[in-house]
């Protein structure tokens, strides 16, 4: 029987907001499997919360990184190289849009709101992958990002974020092709509705959540722990032949027609 042992692996997780976030669930799964952990926080305002979360972990490190600028990403990975030597695992769980752009009619999305959502939620994966790949040489590594089914279908209230997730999924395929020769795998998890800080600001989230539970084959919503376990699989050697994939963790909702 296979067991997941990440001892000797170094992992960095972007997007830990609080103890309810998907990024934190994946970080916990990786740490429990033996990985040495780094958690990236956006700015000083969020550092204290990140410090409290990782405090019980031995040898965990924090690194500041605002992904809105390439220089910040490069600096963060320079710090990771200095402190860790190499990076084996990267988790990108970052998304942002103006609250006013997550409701109403999509046709009214302003240019700046569109640019911001695509920049932070989608483009940010590219400089992260570009900076991470050299630190994964020569044995390779795993990059995992988070998406949602709104990349393919209309979820009223998700609006511009659905467009960003569509771009993100295309990036997963393109980056998987680019980095595959270096044995760097790139995959995405498409999670169903789950209670997080970011989901609470989505217009109509409660309707989305209840519809999911009513129509999914398993007749329930997912948990962040279930996403964490899938993240652990994708970051481990058990998924060594998997790249460019979008894996649904949604109790089967995506297969249903009605």
C-alpha atoms as a PDB file:
ATOM      1  CA  UNK A   1       0.000   0.000   0.000  1.00  0.00           C
ATOM      2  CA  UNK A   2       1.267   3.458  -0.865  1.00  0.00           C
ATOM      3  CA  UNK A   3       1.757   6.109   1.796  1.00  0.00           C
ATOM      4  CA  UNK A   4       2.418   9.782   1.189  1.00  0.00           C
ATOM      5  CA  UNK A   5       5.685  10.859   2.773  1.00  0.00           C
ATOM      6  CA  UNK A   6       6.940  14.325   1.913  1.00  0.00           C
ATOM      7  CA  UNK A   7       9.914  14.246   4.264  1.00  0.00           C
ATOM      8  CA  UNK A   8      12.794  16.139   2.707  1.00  0.00           C
ATOM      9  CA  UNK A   9      10.450  18.156   0.449  1.00  0.00           C
ATOM     10  CA  UNK A  10      10.107  21.935   0.623  1.00  0.00           C
ATOM     11  CA  UNK A  11       6.717  23.512  -0.043  1.00  0.00           C
ATOM     12  CA  UNK A  12       5.484  27.086  -0.343  1.00  0.00           C
ATOM     13  CA  UNK A  13       1.801  27.992  -0.167  1.00  0.00           C
ATOM     14  CA  UNK A  14       0.406  31.272  -1.465  1.00  0.00           C
ATOM     15  CA  UNK A  15      -3.012  32.495  -0.365  1.00  0.00           C
ATOM     16  CA  UNK A  16      -3.414  31.521   3.291  1.00  0.00           C
ATOM     17  CA  UNK A  17      -5.948  34.047   4.565  1.00  0.00           C
ATOM     18  CA  UNK A  18      -7.145  32.374   7.763  1.00  0.00           C
ATOM     19  CA  UNK A  19      -7.802  28.953   9.271  1.00  0.00           C
ATOM     20  CA  UNK A  20     -10.828  28.395   7.006  1.00  0.00           C
ATOM     21  CA  UNK A  21      -9.034  28.969   3.708  1.00  0.00           C
ATOM     22  CA  UNK A  22      -8.423  26.229   1.155  1.00  0.00           C
ATOM     23  CA  UNK A  23      -4.758  27.208   1.060  1.00  0.00           C
ATOM     24  CA  UNK A  24      -4.487  26.510   4.783  1.00  0.00           C
ATOM     25  CA  UNK A  25      -6.166  23.099   4.417  1.00  0.00           C
ATOM     26  CA  UNK A  26      -3.611  22.133   1.764  1.00  0.00           C
ATOM     27  CA  UNK A  27      -0.744  23.560   3.830  1.00  0.00           C
ATOM     28  CA  UNK A  28      -1.814  21.468   6.816  1.00  0.00           C
ATOM     29  CA  UNK A  29      -1.997  18.310   4.713  1.00  0.00           C
ATOM     30  CA  UNK A  30       1.480  18.921   3.311  1.00  0.00           C
ATOM     31  CA  UNK A  31       2.953  19.654   6.731  1.00  0.00           C
ATOM     32  CA  UNK A  32       1.384  16.555   8.274  1.00  0.00           C
ATOM     33  CA  UNK A  33       2.925  14.496   5.459  1.00  0.00           C
ATOM     34  CA  UNK A  34       6.364  15.765   6.468  1.00  0.00           C
ATOM     35  CA  UNK A  35       7.053  18.678   4.116  1.00  0.00           C
ATOM     36  CA  UNK A  36       9.033  21.659   5.338  1.00  0.00           C
ATOM     37  CA  UNK A  37       6.658  24.573   4.943  1.00  0.00           C
ATOM     38  CA  UNK A  38       6.819  28.183   3.826  1.00  0.00           C
ATOM     39  CA  UNK A  39       3.722  30.358   3.830  1.00  0.00           C
ATOM     40  CA  UNK A  40       3.619  33.493   1.698  1.00  0.00           C
ATOM     41  CA  UNK A  41       1.674  36.487   3.006  1.00  0.00           C
ATOM     42  CA  UNK A  42       0.778  39.603   1.036  1.00  0.00           C
ATOM     43  CA  UNK A  43       1.852  42.412   3.376  1.00  0.00           C
ATOM     44  CA  UNK A  44       2.513  43.397   6.988  1.00  0.00           C
ATOM     45  CA  UNK A  45      -1.207  43.621   7.710  1.00  0.00           C
ATOM     46  CA  UNK A  46      -1.577  39.868   7.090  1.00  0.00           C
ATOM     47  CA  UNK A  47       1.708  38.733   8.627  1.00  0.00           C
ATOM     48  CA  UNK A  48       0.427  38.432  12.196  1.00  0.00           C
ATOM     49  CA  UNK A  49      -2.347  36.034  11.236  1.00  0.00           C
ATOM     50  CA  UNK A  50       0.080  33.889   9.223  1.00  0.00           C
ATOM     51  CA  UNK A  51       2.495  33.832  12.152  1.00  0.00           C
ATOM     52  CA  UNK A  52      -0.213  32.556  14.490  1.00  0.00           C
ATOM     53  CA  UNK A  53      -1.197  29.781  12.088  1.00  0.00           C
ATOM     54  CA  UNK A  54       2.307  28.391  11.589  1.00  0.00           C
ATOM     55  CA  UNK A  55       3.460  28.937  15.174  1.00  0.00           C
ATOM     56  CA  UNK A  56       2.960  25.262  16.180  1.00  0.00           C
ATOM     57  CA  UNK A  57       5.069  24.053  13.253  1.00  0.00           C
ATOM     58  CA  UNK A  58       8.741  23.424  13.699  1.00  0.00           C
ATOM     59  CA  UNK A  59      11.024  24.979  11.077  1.00  0.00           C
ATOM     60  CA  UNK A  60       8.214  26.739   9.165  1.00  0.00           C
ATOM     61  CA  UNK A  61       9.043  30.034   7.508  1.00  0.00           C
ATOM     62  CA  UNK A  62       7.123  33.072   6.357  1.00  0.00           C
ATOM     63  CA  UNK A  63       7.864  35.049   3.217  1.00  0.00           C
ATOM     64  CA  UNK A  64       6.288  38.328   2.137  1.00  0.00           C
ATOM     65  CA  UNK A  65       4.999  38.421  -1.433  1.00  0.00           C
ATOM     66  CA  UNK A  66       2.531  40.742  -3.116  1.00  0.00           C
ATOM     67  CA  UNK A  67       1.988  38.948  -6.432  1.00  0.00           C
ATOM     68  CA  UNK A  68       0.800  42.154  -8.118  1.00  0.00           C
ATOM     69  CA  UNK A  69       4.396  42.911  -9.139  1.00  0.00           C
ATOM     70  CA  UNK A  70       6.982  40.581 -10.673  1.00  0.00           C
ATOM     71  CA  UNK A  71       9.754  42.093  -8.549  1.00  0.00           C
ATOM     72  CA  UNK A  72       7.991  40.975  -5.368  1.00  0.00           C
ATOM     73  CA  UNK A  73       7.617  37.434  -6.702  1.00  0.00           C
ATOM     74  CA  UNK A  74      11.279  37.318  -7.697  1.00  0.00           C
ATOM     75  CA  UNK A  75      12.339  38.620  -4.282  1.00  0.00           C
ATOM     76  CA  UNK A  76      10.193  36.038  -2.504  1.00  0.00           C
ATOM     77  CA  UNK A  77      11.746  33.165  -4.418  1.00  0.00           C
ATOM     78  CA  UNK A  78      15.218  34.592  -3.855  1.00  0.00           C
ATOM     79  CA  UNK A  79      14.460  34.392  -0.120  1.00  0.00           C
ATOM     80  CA  UNK A  80      13.159  30.844  -0.511  1.00  0.00           C
ATOM     81  CA  UNK A  81      16.319  29.858  -2.359  1.00  0.00           C
ATOM     82  CA  UNK A  82      18.474  31.366   0.371  1.00  0.00           C
ATOM     83  CA  UNK A  83      16.541  29.763   3.241  1.00  0.00           C
ATOM     84  CA  UNK A  84      15.460  26.444   1.709  1.00  0.00           C
ATOM     85  CA  UNK A  85      17.847  25.821  -1.149  1.00  0.00           C
ATOM     86  CA  UNK A  86      15.238  24.301  -3.416  1.00  0.00           C
ATOM     87  CA  UNK A  87      11.448  24.255  -3.757  1.00  0.00           C
ATOM     88  CA  UNK A  88       9.599  21.029  -4.563  1.00  0.00           C
ATOM     89  CA  UNK A  89       5.979  22.137  -4.194  1.00  0.00           C
ATOM     90  CA  UNK A  90       4.133  25.379  -4.933  1.00  0.00           C
ATOM     91  CA  UNK A  91       0.465  25.962  -4.126  1.00  0.00           C
ATOM     92  CA  UNK A  92      -1.144  29.002  -5.777  1.00  0.00           C
ATOM     93  CA  UNK A  93      -4.455  29.752  -4.070  1.00  0.00           C
ATOM     94  CA  UNK A  94      -4.833  33.420  -4.923  1.00  0.00           C
ATOM     95  CA  UNK A  95      -7.881  35.218  -6.276  1.00  0.00           C
ATOM     96  CA  UNK A  96      -9.187  38.752  -6.021  1.00  0.00           C
ATOM     97  CA  UNK A  97     -11.796  40.964  -7.652  1.00  0.00           C
ATOM     98  CA  UNK A  98     -13.463  44.156  -6.561  1.00  0.00           C
ATOM     99  CA  UNK A  99     -16.543  43.311  -4.544  1.00  0.00           C
ATOM    100  CA  UNK A 100     -18.739  45.454  -6.777  1.00  0.00           C
ATOM    101  CA  UNK A 101     -17.658  43.350  -9.766  1.00  0.00           C
ATOM    102  CA  UNK A 102     -19.009  40.159  -8.159  1.00  0.00           C
ATOM    103  CA  UNK A 103     -22.649  41.020  -8.612  1.00  0.00           C
ATOM    104  CA  UNK A 104     -25.039  42.609 -11.056  1.00  0.00           C
ATOM    105  CA  UNK A 105     -24.622  42.240 -14.816  1.00  0.00           C
ATOM    106  CA  UNK A 106     -21.326  41.018 -16.219  1.00  0.00           C
ATOM    107  CA  UNK A 107     -21.755  43.391 -19.168  1.00  0.00           C
ATOM    108  CA  UNK A 108     -21.178  46.275 -16.750  1.00  0.00           C
ATOM    109  CA  UNK A 109     -17.748  45.041 -15.655  1.00  0.00           C
ATOM    110  CA  UNK A 110     -15.392  48.061 -15.811  1.00  0.00           C
ATOM    111  CA  UNK A 111     -12.069  47.807 -17.616  1.00  0.00           C
ATOM    112  CA  UNK A 112     -10.017  48.354 -14.456  1.00  0.00           C
ATOM    113  CA  UNK A 113     -12.019  45.772 -12.497  1.00  0.00           C
ATOM    114  CA  UNK A 114     -11.495  43.254 -15.289  1.00  0.00           C
ATOM    115  CA  UNK A 115      -7.770  43.988 -15.425  1.00  0.00           C
ATOM    116  CA  UNK A 116      -7.378  43.667 -11.663  1.00  0.00           C
ATOM    117  CA  UNK A 117      -9.223  40.348 -11.428  1.00  0.00           C
ATOM    118  CA  UNK A 118      -7.284  38.799 -14.317  1.00  0.00           C
ATOM    119  CA  UNK A 119      -3.954  40.147 -13.073  1.00  0.00           C
ATOM    120  CA  UNK A 120      -4.185  38.888  -9.492  1.00  0.00           C
ATOM    121  CA  UNK A 121      -6.281  35.756 -10.007  1.00  0.00           C
ATOM    122  CA  UNK A 122      -4.790  34.435 -13.244  1.00  0.00           C
ATOM    123  CA  UNK A 123      -1.619  36.168 -14.384  1.00  0.00           C
ATOM    124  CA  UNK A 124       0.049  35.773 -10.979  1.00  0.00           C
ATOM    125  CA  UNK A 125       0.499  32.048 -11.602  1.00  0.00           C
ATOM    126  CA  UNK A 126       2.882  32.789 -14.493  1.00  0.00           C
ATOM    127  CA  UNK A 127       5.613  34.722 -12.617  1.00  0.00           C
ATOM    128  CA  UNK A 128       5.302  32.288  -9.716  1.00  0.00           C
ATOM    129  CA  UNK A 129       5.866  29.317 -12.039  1.00  0.00           C
ATOM    130  CA  UNK A 130       8.692  31.160 -13.816  1.00  0.00           C
ATOM    131  CA  UNK A 131      10.475  31.826 -10.525  1.00  0.00           C
ATOM    132  CA  UNK A 132       9.757  28.421  -8.998  1.00  0.00           C
ATOM    133  CA  UNK A 133      10.841  26.160 -11.877  1.00  0.00           C
ATOM    134  CA  UNK A 134      14.616  26.826 -11.574  1.00  0.00           C
ATOM    135  CA  UNK A 135      14.436  26.014  -7.849  1.00  0.00           C
ATOM    136  CA  UNK A 136      12.842  22.643  -8.687  1.00  0.00           C
ATOM    137  CA  UNK A 137      15.783  21.513 -10.832  1.00  0.00           C
ATOM    138  CA  UNK A 138      17.017  18.937 -11.479  1.00  0.00           C
ATOM    139  CA  UNK A 139      14.439  16.497 -10.052  1.00  0.00           C
ATOM    140  CA  UNK A 140      11.324  18.540 -10.823  1.00  0.00           C
ATOM    141  CA  UNK A 141       8.328  19.420  -8.706  1.00  0.00           C
ATOM    142  CA  UNK A 142       4.618  20.136  -8.535  1.00  0.00           C
ATOM    143  CA  UNK A 143       2.646  23.367  -8.941  1.00  0.00           C
ATOM    144  CA  UNK A 144      -1.040  23.351  -7.954  1.00  0.00           C
ATOM    145  CA  UNK A 145      -3.572  26.142  -8.361  1.00  0.00           C
ATOM    146  CA  UNK A 146      -7.246  26.571  -7.483  1.00  0.00           C
ATOM    147  CA  UNK A 147     -10.114  27.042  -9.928  1.00  0.00           C
ATOM    148  CA  UNK A 148     -13.912  26.765 -10.042  1.00  0.00           C
ATOM    149  CA  UNK A 149     -16.503  25.493 -12.509  1.00  0.00           C
ATOM    150  CA  UNK A 150     -17.484  29.070 -13.359  1.00  0.00           C
ATOM    151  CA  UNK A 151     -14.585  28.839 -15.817  1.00  0.00           C
ATOM    152  CA  UNK A 152     -16.947  26.846 -18.050  1.00  0.00           C
ATOM    153  CA  UNK A 153     -20.464  27.790 -16.982  1.00  0.00           C
ATOM    154  CA  UNK A 154     -22.311  30.853 -15.775  1.00  0.00           C
ATOM    155  CA  UNK A 155     -22.713  31.246 -12.026  1.00  0.00           C
ATOM    156  CA  UNK A 156     -24.632  34.503 -11.460  1.00  0.00           C
ATOM    157  CA  UNK A 157     -22.664  36.677  -9.081  1.00  0.00           C
ATOM    158  CA  UNK A 158     -19.285  35.104  -9.875  1.00  0.00           C
ATOM    159  CA  UNK A 159     -19.005  37.325 -12.940  1.00  0.00           C
ATOM    160  CA  UNK A 160     -15.463  38.453 -13.819  1.00  0.00           C
ATOM    161  CA  UNK A 161     -13.938  35.820 -11.546  1.00  0.00           C
ATOM    162  CA  UNK A 162     -15.302  33.142 -13.870  1.00  0.00           C
ATOM    163  CA  UNK A 163     -13.399  34.773 -16.721  1.00  0.00           C
ATOM    164  CA  UNK A 164     -10.273  34.821 -14.581  1.00  0.00           C
ATOM    165  CA  UNK A 165     -10.652  31.121 -13.769  1.00  0.00           C
ATOM    166  CA  UNK A 166     -11.036  30.308 -17.471  1.00  0.00           C
ATOM    167  CA  UNK A 167      -7.745  32.098 -18.137  1.00  0.00           C
ATOM    168  CA  UNK A 168      -6.138  30.310 -15.196  1.00  0.00           C
ATOM    169  CA  UNK A 169      -7.115  26.875 -16.510  1.00  0.00           C
ATOM    170  CA  UNK A 170      -5.655  27.676 -19.913  1.00  0.00           C
ATOM    171  CA  UNK A 171      -2.452  28.751 -18.183  1.00  0.00           C
ATOM    172  CA  UNK A 172      -2.317  25.391 -16.389  1.00  0.00           C
ATOM    173  CA  UNK A 173      -2.237  23.589 -19.740  1.00  0.00           C
ATOM    174  CA  UNK A 174       0.302  25.948 -21.285  1.00  0.00           C
ATOM    175  CA  UNK A 175       2.603  25.891 -18.268  1.00  0.00           C
ATOM    176  CA  UNK A 176       2.334  22.097 -18.091  1.00  0.00           C
ATOM    177  CA  UNK A 177       3.536  21.973 -21.691  1.00  0.00           C
ATOM    178  CA  UNK A 178       6.353  24.464 -21.092  1.00  0.00           C
ATOM    179  CA  UNK A 179       7.649  22.912 -17.878  1.00  0.00           C
ATOM    180  CA  UNK A 180       6.996  19.239 -18.560  1.00  0.00           C
ATOM    181  CA  UNK A 181      10.484  18.624 -20.020  1.00  0.00           C
ATOM    182  CA  UNK A 182      11.863  19.826 -16.663  1.00  0.00           C
ATOM    183  CA  UNK A 183       9.657  17.316 -14.822  1.00  0.00           C
ATOM    184  CA  UNK A 184       7.619  20.150 -13.322  1.00  0.00           C
ATOM    185  CA  UNK A 185       3.938  19.256 -13.188  1.00  0.00           C
ATOM    186  CA  UNK A 186       1.182  21.890 -13.198  1.00  0.00           C
ATOM    187  CA  UNK A 187      -2.396  21.044 -12.210  1.00  0.00           C
ATOM    188  CA  UNK A 188      -5.544  22.692 -10.887  1.00  0.00           C
ATOM    189  CA  UNK A 189      -8.209  21.712  -8.385  1.00  0.00           C
ATOM    190  CA  UNK A 190     -11.749  22.784  -9.215  1.00  0.00           C
ATOM    191  CA  UNK A 191     -13.423  22.903  -5.823  1.00  0.00           C
ATOM    192  CA  UNK A 192     -17.139  23.135  -5.195  1.00  0.00           C
ATOM    193  CA  UNK A 193     -18.611  25.920  -3.038  1.00  0.00           C
ATOM    194  CA  UNK A 194     -16.981  25.950   0.375  1.00  0.00           C
ATOM    195  CA  UNK A 195     -17.151  28.472   3.207  1.00  0.00           C
ATOM    196  CA  UNK A 196     -14.087  30.693   3.050  1.00  0.00           C
ATOM    197  CA  UNK A 197     -13.373  34.374   3.539  1.00  0.00           C
ATOM    198  CA  UNK A 198     -13.451  34.989  -0.216  1.00  0.00           C
ATOM    199  CA  UNK A 199     -16.631  33.009  -0.919  1.00  0.00           C
ATOM    200  CA  UNK A 200     -18.615  35.151   1.490  1.00  0.00           C
ATOM    201  CA  UNK A 201     -18.301  38.212  -0.744  1.00  0.00           C
ATOM    202  CA  UNK A 202     -19.774  36.478  -3.805  1.00  0.00           C
ATOM    203  CA  UNK A 203     -23.278  37.679  -4.587  1.00  0.00           C
ATOM    204  CA  UNK A 204     -25.648  34.718  -4.403  1.00  0.00           C
ATOM    205  CA  UNK A 205     -23.128  32.418  -2.706  1.00  0.00           C
ATOM    206  CA  UNK A 206     -25.716  30.861  -0.388  1.00  0.00           C
ATOM    207  CA  UNK A 207     -27.956  30.017  -3.359  1.00  0.00           C
ATOM    208  CA  UNK A 208     -24.984  28.494  -5.154  1.00  0.00           C
ATOM    209  CA  UNK A 209     -24.088  26.397  -2.118  1.00  0.00           C
ATOM    210  CA  UNK A 210     -27.605  25.042  -1.582  1.00  0.00           C
ATOM    211  CA  UNK A 211     -28.100  24.239  -5.274  1.00  0.00           C
ATOM    212  CA  UNK A 212     -24.842  22.325  -5.239  1.00  0.00           C
ATOM    213  CA  UNK A 213     -25.875  20.209  -2.252  1.00  0.00           C
ATOM    214  CA  UNK A 214     -29.299  19.497  -3.791  1.00  0.00           C
ATOM    215  CA  UNK A 215     -28.027  18.427  -7.223  1.00  0.00           C
ATOM    216  CA  UNK A 216     -24.613  16.860  -6.654  1.00  0.00           C
ATOM    217  CA  UNK A 217     -24.604  13.041  -6.821  1.00  0.00           C
ATOM    218  CA  UNK A 218     -23.375  12.851  -3.224  1.00  0.00           C
ATOM    219  CA  UNK A 219     -26.085  15.285  -2.092  1.00  0.00           C
ATOM    220  CA  UNK A 220     -23.781  17.450  -0.020  1.00  0.00           C
ATOM    221  CA  UNK A 221     -21.200  20.178  -0.186  1.00  0.00           C
ATOM    222  CA  UNK A 222     -17.476  19.575   0.067  1.00  0.00           C
ATOM    223  CA  UNK A 223     -15.155  20.383   2.949  1.00  0.00           C
ATOM    224  CA  UNK A 224     -11.836  22.202   2.848  1.00  0.00           C
ATOM    225  CA  UNK A 225     -10.240  19.034   4.206  1.00  0.00           C
ATOM    226  CA  UNK A 226     -11.305  17.161   1.065  1.00  0.00           C
ATOM    227  CA  UNK A 227      -9.626  19.790  -1.083  1.00  0.00           C
ATOM    228  CA  UNK A 228      -6.569  19.553   1.133  1.00  0.00           C
ATOM    229  CA  UNK A 229      -6.311  15.805   0.582  1.00  0.00           C
ATOM    230  CA  UNK A 230      -6.527  16.225  -3.190  1.00  0.00           C
ATOM    231  CA  UNK A 231      -3.855  18.893  -3.002  1.00  0.00           C
ATOM    232  CA  UNK A 232      -1.665  16.469  -1.077  1.00  0.00           C
ATOM    233  CA  UNK A 233      -2.128  13.855  -3.800  1.00  0.00           C
ATOM    234  CA  UNK A 234      -1.198  16.304  -6.569  1.00  0.00           C
ATOM    235  CA  UNK A 235       1.873  17.454  -4.673  1.00  0.00           C
ATOM    236  CA  UNK A 236       3.087  13.905  -4.048  1.00  0.00           C
ATOM    237  CA  UNK A 237       4.728  11.260  -6.208  1.00  0.00           C
ATOM    238  CA  UNK A 238       1.409   9.395  -6.347  1.00  0.00           C
ATOM    239  CA  UNK A 239       0.449  11.841  -9.119  1.00  0.00           C
ATOM    240  CA  UNK A 240       3.818  11.657 -10.894  1.00  0.00           C
ATOM    241  CA  UNK A 241       2.170  11.053 -14.276  1.00  0.00           C
ATOM    242  CA  UNK A 242      -0.484  13.757 -13.930  1.00  0.00           C
ATOM    243  CA  UNK A 243      -0.025  17.233 -15.416  1.00  0.00           C
ATOM    244  CA  UNK A 244      -2.150  19.826 -17.185  1.00  0.00           C
ATOM    245  CA  UNK A 245      -5.268  18.519 -15.438  1.00  0.00           C
ATOM    246  CA  UNK A 246      -8.232  20.158 -13.739  1.00  0.00           C
ATOM    247  CA  UNK A 247      -9.393  17.784 -11.011  1.00  0.00           C
ATOM    248  CA  UNK A 248     -12.895  18.372  -9.679  1.00  0.00           C
ATOM    249  CA  UNK A 249     -13.503  18.100  -5.966  1.00  0.00           C
ATOM    250  CA  UNK A 250     -17.201  18.901  -5.929  1.00  0.00           C
ATOM    251  CA  UNK A 251     -19.044  15.719  -4.873  1.00  0.00           C
ATOM    252  CA  UNK A 252     -19.767  15.164  -8.566  1.00  0.00           C
ATOM    253  CA  UNK A 253     -21.721  18.349  -9.245  1.00  0.00           C
ATOM    254  CA  UNK A 254     -19.901  19.032 -12.530  1.00  0.00           C
ATOM    255  CA  UNK A 255     -21.248  15.848 -14.185  1.00  0.00           C
ATOM    256  CA  UNK A 256     -24.899  16.784 -13.784  1.00  0.00           C
ATOM    257  CA  UNK A 257     -27.017  18.294 -16.541  1.00  0.00           C
ATOM    258  CA  UNK A 258     -29.691  19.647 -14.213  1.00  0.00           C
END
